[in-house]
């Protein structure tokens, strides 16, 4: 059994904020897996999804970001889980929008939601760091994270959330590399060696036979080689 936590702030006012990308990830996973419904519990909302025989609880704390650890700690103790069974999905200023990194343990880097979780669980939980970019100056951070994603970022955000769903079963199975690879394939599909999308080979026009392949020069008669010069 695992506990996946999405960080954000409750209420429609914050729903589209960059700070709420953790909530968005869990909402998309629940929808993709036909799980649910969300139920009020542990000072938040919780729902269940399954990946084969693996049960995963999804939790969205309703305590506001700075007190997220209260909800997470309560849910972890109730289900008799260890910090290593917990994965937190959160916004990450130090990653470009659309980028994702998986991390086990470590510091909270000033993130208020993680800081609160550290206080209740310690540092030994996993994190899915979801890039939102940086506004360029620390004085602009508070307003930036509490602003909505721009319309132009819609496709990027959708690709990232779809990629998380693509790889969720790998994450549940403990295959971190498989999870991040699934996200990367959705966010940045492979291209040809020349940098362009691989194009399909041209097809023959219906009802018309394809032109025969030219014969090598050495198989042509002298007359055919002479005629070829004037084509």
Protein backbone atom coordinates (compact mmCIF):
# COMPACT_ATOMS: atom_id res chain seq x y z
CA UNK A 1 0.00 0.00 0.00
CA UNK A 2 1.21 3.48 -0.87
CA UNK A 3 0.16 7.06 -0.21
CA UNK A 4 0.51 9.60 -3.02
CA UNK A 5 0.07 13.21 -1.92
CA UNK A 6 -0.65 16.16 -4.18
CA UNK A 7 0.18 19.59 -2.81
CA UNK A 8 -1.94 22.67 -3.41
CA UNK A 9 -4.45 25.02 -1.83
CA UNK A 10 -8.16 24.14 -1.54
CA UNK A 11 -10.91 26.14 -3.22
CA UNK A 12 -11.86 27.31 -6.71
CA UNK A 13 -9.82 30.49 -6.27
CA UNK A 14 -6.58 28.49 -6.38
CA UNK A 15 -7.57 25.64 -8.71
CA UNK A 16 -5.57 26.84 -11.74
CA UNK A 17 -2.53 28.13 -9.81
CA UNK A 18 0.97 26.88 -10.55
CA UNK A 19 1.20 26.04 -6.84
CA UNK A 20 -1.67 23.56 -7.36
CA UNK A 21 -0.03 21.36 -9.96
CA UNK A 22 0.21 18.56 -7.38
CA UNK A 23 -3.59 18.58 -7.03
CA UNK A 24 -3.90 18.58 -10.82
CA UNK A 25 -1.67 15.50 -11.12
CA UNK A 26 -3.73 13.47 -8.64
CA UNK A 27 -7.03 14.56 -10.19
CA UNK A 28 -5.80 13.36 -13.60
CA UNK A 29 -4.52 10.03 -12.20
CA UNK A 30 -7.87 9.38 -10.50
CA UNK A 31 -9.77 10.18 -13.70
CA UNK A 32 -7.45 8.04 -15.82
CA UNK A 33 -7.76 5.01 -13.51
CA UNK A 34 -11.54 5.39 -13.02
CA UNK A 35 -10.93 5.47 -9.27
CA UNK A 36 -12.60 7.41 -6.55
CA UNK A 37 -14.66 9.10 -5.48
CA UNK A 38 -12.93 11.75 -3.41
CA UNK A 39 -13.99 11.56 0.24
CA UNK A 40 -13.38 14.06 3.04
CA UNK A 41 -10.93 12.55 5.52
CA UNK A 42 -7.59 13.26 7.22
CA UNK A 43 -8.12 17.04 6.93
CA UNK A 44 -8.25 16.65 3.18
CA UNK A 45 -9.71 14.59 0.34
CA UNK A 46 -8.73 10.98 -0.22
CA UNK A 47 -9.48 8.43 -2.94
CA UNK A 48 -8.29 4.95 -3.87
CA UNK A 49 -6.81 3.67 -7.12
CA UNK A 50 -5.29 0.31 -8.02
CA UNK A 51 -2.47 -0.71 -10.30
CA UNK A 52 -2.87 -4.46 -10.54
CA UNK A 53 -2.61 -5.76 -6.99
CA UNK A 54 -1.03 -2.52 -5.70
CA UNK A 55 -3.39 -0.23 -3.78
CA UNK A 56 -2.54 3.48 -3.79
CA UNK A 57 -4.30 6.11 -1.70
CA UNK A 58 -4.42 9.59 -3.23
CA UNK A 59 -4.52 12.49 -0.78
CA UNK A 60 -5.11 16.21 -1.35
CA UNK A 61 -4.61 18.08 1.95
CA UNK A 62 -7.24 20.77 2.61
CA UNK A 63 -5.17 22.49 5.29
CA UNK A 64 -3.62 25.00 2.85
CA UNK A 65 -0.05 24.53 1.70
CA UNK A 66 1.79 25.62 4.84
CA UNK A 67 0.08 22.98 7.00
CA UNK A 68 0.11 20.06 4.53
CA UNK A 69 2.08 17.85 6.92
CA UNK A 70 -0.84 17.66 9.37
CA UNK A 71 -3.02 15.90 6.81
CA UNK A 72 -0.23 13.68 5.47
CA UNK A 73 0.91 12.61 8.93
CA UNK A 74 -2.64 11.72 9.98
CA UNK A 75 -3.24 9.60 6.85
CA UNK A 76 0.15 7.85 7.16
CA UNK A 77 -0.42 6.90 10.80
CA UNK A 78 -3.97 5.66 10.14
CA UNK A 79 -2.82 3.32 7.36
CA UNK A 80 0.30 2.29 9.33
CA UNK A 81 2.64 3.43 6.56
CA UNK A 82 6.29 4.42 6.70
CA UNK A 83 7.73 7.61 5.13
CA UNK A 84 9.19 5.43 2.36
CA UNK A 85 5.63 4.50 1.31
CA UNK A 86 4.77 8.17 0.67
CA UNK A 87 5.27 10.05 -2.63
CA UNK A 88 4.56 13.78 -2.81
CA UNK A 89 3.71 15.55 -6.09
CA UNK A 90 4.64 19.23 -5.88
CA UNK A 91 5.52 22.33 -7.90
CA UNK A 92 9.24 22.99 -8.47
CA UNK A 93 10.61 26.46 -9.24
CA UNK A 94 14.05 25.13 -10.16
CA UNK A 95 12.76 23.08 -13.10
CA UNK A 96 11.55 24.49 -16.41
CA UNK A 97 7.82 24.19 -17.14
CA UNK A 98 6.96 20.70 -18.32
CA UNK A 99 10.03 19.08 -16.79
CA UNK A 100 9.75 16.36 -14.15
CA UNK A 101 12.24 14.82 -11.76
CA UNK A 102 11.85 12.00 -9.25
CA UNK A 103 13.71 12.34 -5.97
CA UNK A 104 14.00 10.18 -2.85
CA UNK A 105 14.58 12.00 0.42
CA UNK A 106 16.57 15.21 0.85
CA UNK A 107 15.76 18.75 1.94
CA UNK A 108 12.66 20.85 1.36
CA UNK A 109 14.50 23.69 -0.48
CA UNK A 110 12.24 26.30 1.13
CA UNK A 111 9.00 24.83 -0.24
CA UNK A 112 6.41 25.50 2.48
CA UNK A 113 4.39 22.36 1.80
CA UNK A 114 7.47 20.14 1.97
CA UNK A 115 8.70 22.00 5.04
CA UNK A 116 5.46 21.09 6.84
CA UNK A 117 5.68 17.46 5.73
CA UNK A 118 9.28 17.31 7.00
CA UNK A 119 8.01 18.39 10.42
CA UNK A 120 5.55 15.48 10.58
CA UNK A 121 7.30 12.71 8.60
CA UNK A 122 10.97 13.59 8.39
CA UNK A 123 12.79 13.74 5.03
CA UNK A 124 12.64 10.10 3.92
CA UNK A 125 9.74 10.24 1.47
CA UNK A 126 9.75 10.38 -2.34
CA UNK A 127 8.95 13.49 -4.35
CA UNK A 128 7.74 13.99 -7.91
CA UNK A 129 9.06 17.47 -8.71
CA UNK A 130 6.88 19.17 -11.33
CA UNK A 131 8.58 22.08 -13.09
CA UNK A 132 6.80 25.44 -13.19
CA UNK A 133 9.83 27.65 -13.93
CA UNK A 134 11.07 30.66 -11.95
CA UNK A 135 9.86 34.26 -12.32
CA UNK A 136 13.46 35.51 -12.28
CA UNK A 137 13.63 37.21 -8.88
CA UNK A 138 12.83 35.89 -5.40
CA UNK A 139 10.59 38.88 -4.64
CA UNK A 140 8.23 37.76 -7.40
CA UNK A 141 7.97 34.11 -6.32
CA UNK A 142 4.90 34.42 -4.03
CA UNK A 143 2.78 36.11 -6.70
CA UNK A 144 4.08 33.81 -9.41
CA UNK A 145 3.22 30.49 -7.74
CA UNK A 146 -0.25 31.80 -6.84
CA UNK A 147 -0.98 32.86 -10.43
CA UNK A 148 -2.65 30.61 -12.98
CA UNK A 149 -0.84 28.86 -15.79
CA UNK A 150 -0.90 30.99 -18.92
CA UNK A 151 -3.13 29.94 -21.81
CA UNK A 152 -0.01 29.34 -23.92
CA UNK A 153 1.16 26.78 -21.34
CA UNK A 154 -1.99 24.68 -21.71
CA UNK A 155 -0.56 22.11 -24.14
CA UNK A 156 2.62 21.73 -22.09
CA UNK A 157 0.61 21.16 -18.91
CA UNK A 158 -1.70 18.67 -20.60
CA UNK A 159 1.25 16.69 -22.01
CA UNK A 160 2.90 16.58 -18.58
CA UNK A 161 -0.25 15.35 -16.84
CA UNK A 162 -0.89 12.77 -19.57
CA UNK A 163 2.69 11.56 -19.21
CA UNK A 164 2.22 11.14 -15.46
CA UNK A 165 -0.81 8.95 -16.14
CA UNK A 166 1.14 6.98 -18.76
CA UNK A 167 3.83 6.16 -16.22
CA UNK A 168 1.77 5.90 -13.03
CA UNK A 169 1.75 2.09 -13.02
CA UNK A 170 5.55 2.10 -13.27
CA UNK A 171 5.77 4.48 -10.33
CA UNK A 172 3.47 2.26 -8.27
CA UNK A 173 5.69 -0.72 -9.09
CA UNK A 174 8.82 1.09 -7.91
CA UNK A 175 10.20 1.56 -11.43
CA UNK A 176 11.26 5.20 -11.22
CA UNK A 177 13.20 5.12 -14.50
CA UNK A 178 10.20 3.66 -16.33
CA UNK A 179 7.97 6.37 -14.88
CA UNK A 180 10.19 9.27 -15.89
CA UNK A 181 10.75 7.74 -19.33
CA UNK A 182 6.99 7.49 -19.92
CA UNK A 183 6.62 11.18 -19.04
CA UNK A 184 9.50 12.15 -21.32
CA UNK A 185 7.99 10.26 -24.26
CA UNK A 186 4.74 12.18 -23.88
CA UNK A 187 6.33 15.61 -23.28
CA UNK A 188 9.10 15.31 -25.89
CA UNK A 189 8.30 12.59 -28.47
CA UNK A 190 11.31 11.18 -30.36
CA UNK A 191 12.33 12.81 -33.63
CA UNK A 192 14.47 11.71 -36.54
CA UNK A 193 18.24 12.17 -36.44
CA UNK A 194 17.80 15.36 -38.48
CA UNK A 195 15.53 16.88 -35.85
CA UNK A 196 12.31 16.48 -37.85
CA UNK A 197 9.40 14.19 -37.22
CA UNK A 198 9.77 10.89 -39.02
CA UNK A 199 7.58 11.07 -42.11
CA UNK A 200 5.85 8.00 -43.60
CA UNK A 201 7.01 6.73 -46.98
CA UNK A 202 4.92 8.07 -49.88
CA UNK A 203 2.17 5.73 -50.98
CA UNK A 204 1.26 4.93 -54.60
CA UNK A 205 -1.83 6.72 -55.94
CA UNK A 206 -4.86 4.40 -55.78
CA UNK A 207 -5.47 2.73 -59.15
CA UNK A 208 -2.04 3.68 -60.45
CA UNK A 209 0.93 1.38 -60.39
CA UNK A 210 4.02 2.72 -58.72
CA UNK A 211 6.89 3.65 -61.03
CA UNK A 212 9.37 0.79 -61.31
CA UNK A 213 12.75 1.28 -59.69
CA UNK A 214 15.43 2.36 -62.18
CA UNK A 215 17.76 -0.37 -63.34
CA UNK A 216 21.46 -0.12 -62.46
CA UNK A 217 23.48 1.40 -65.32
CA UNK A 218 25.49 -1.78 -65.87
CA UNK A 219 22.32 -3.78 -66.70
CA UNK A 220 21.25 -1.33 -69.46
CA UNK A 221 21.98 -1.96 -73.12
CA UNK A 222 24.14 0.62 -74.99
CA UNK A 223 21.00 2.01 -76.66
CA UNK A 224 19.21 2.34 -73.29
CA UNK A 225 22.19 4.16 -71.76
CA UNK A 226 22.26 6.59 -74.70
CA UNK A 227 18.51 7.24 -74.39
CA UNK A 228 18.88 7.87 -70.64
CA UNK A 229 21.25 10.79 -71.30
CA UNK A 230 18.49 12.71 -73.08
CA UNK A 231 15.77 12.23 -70.43
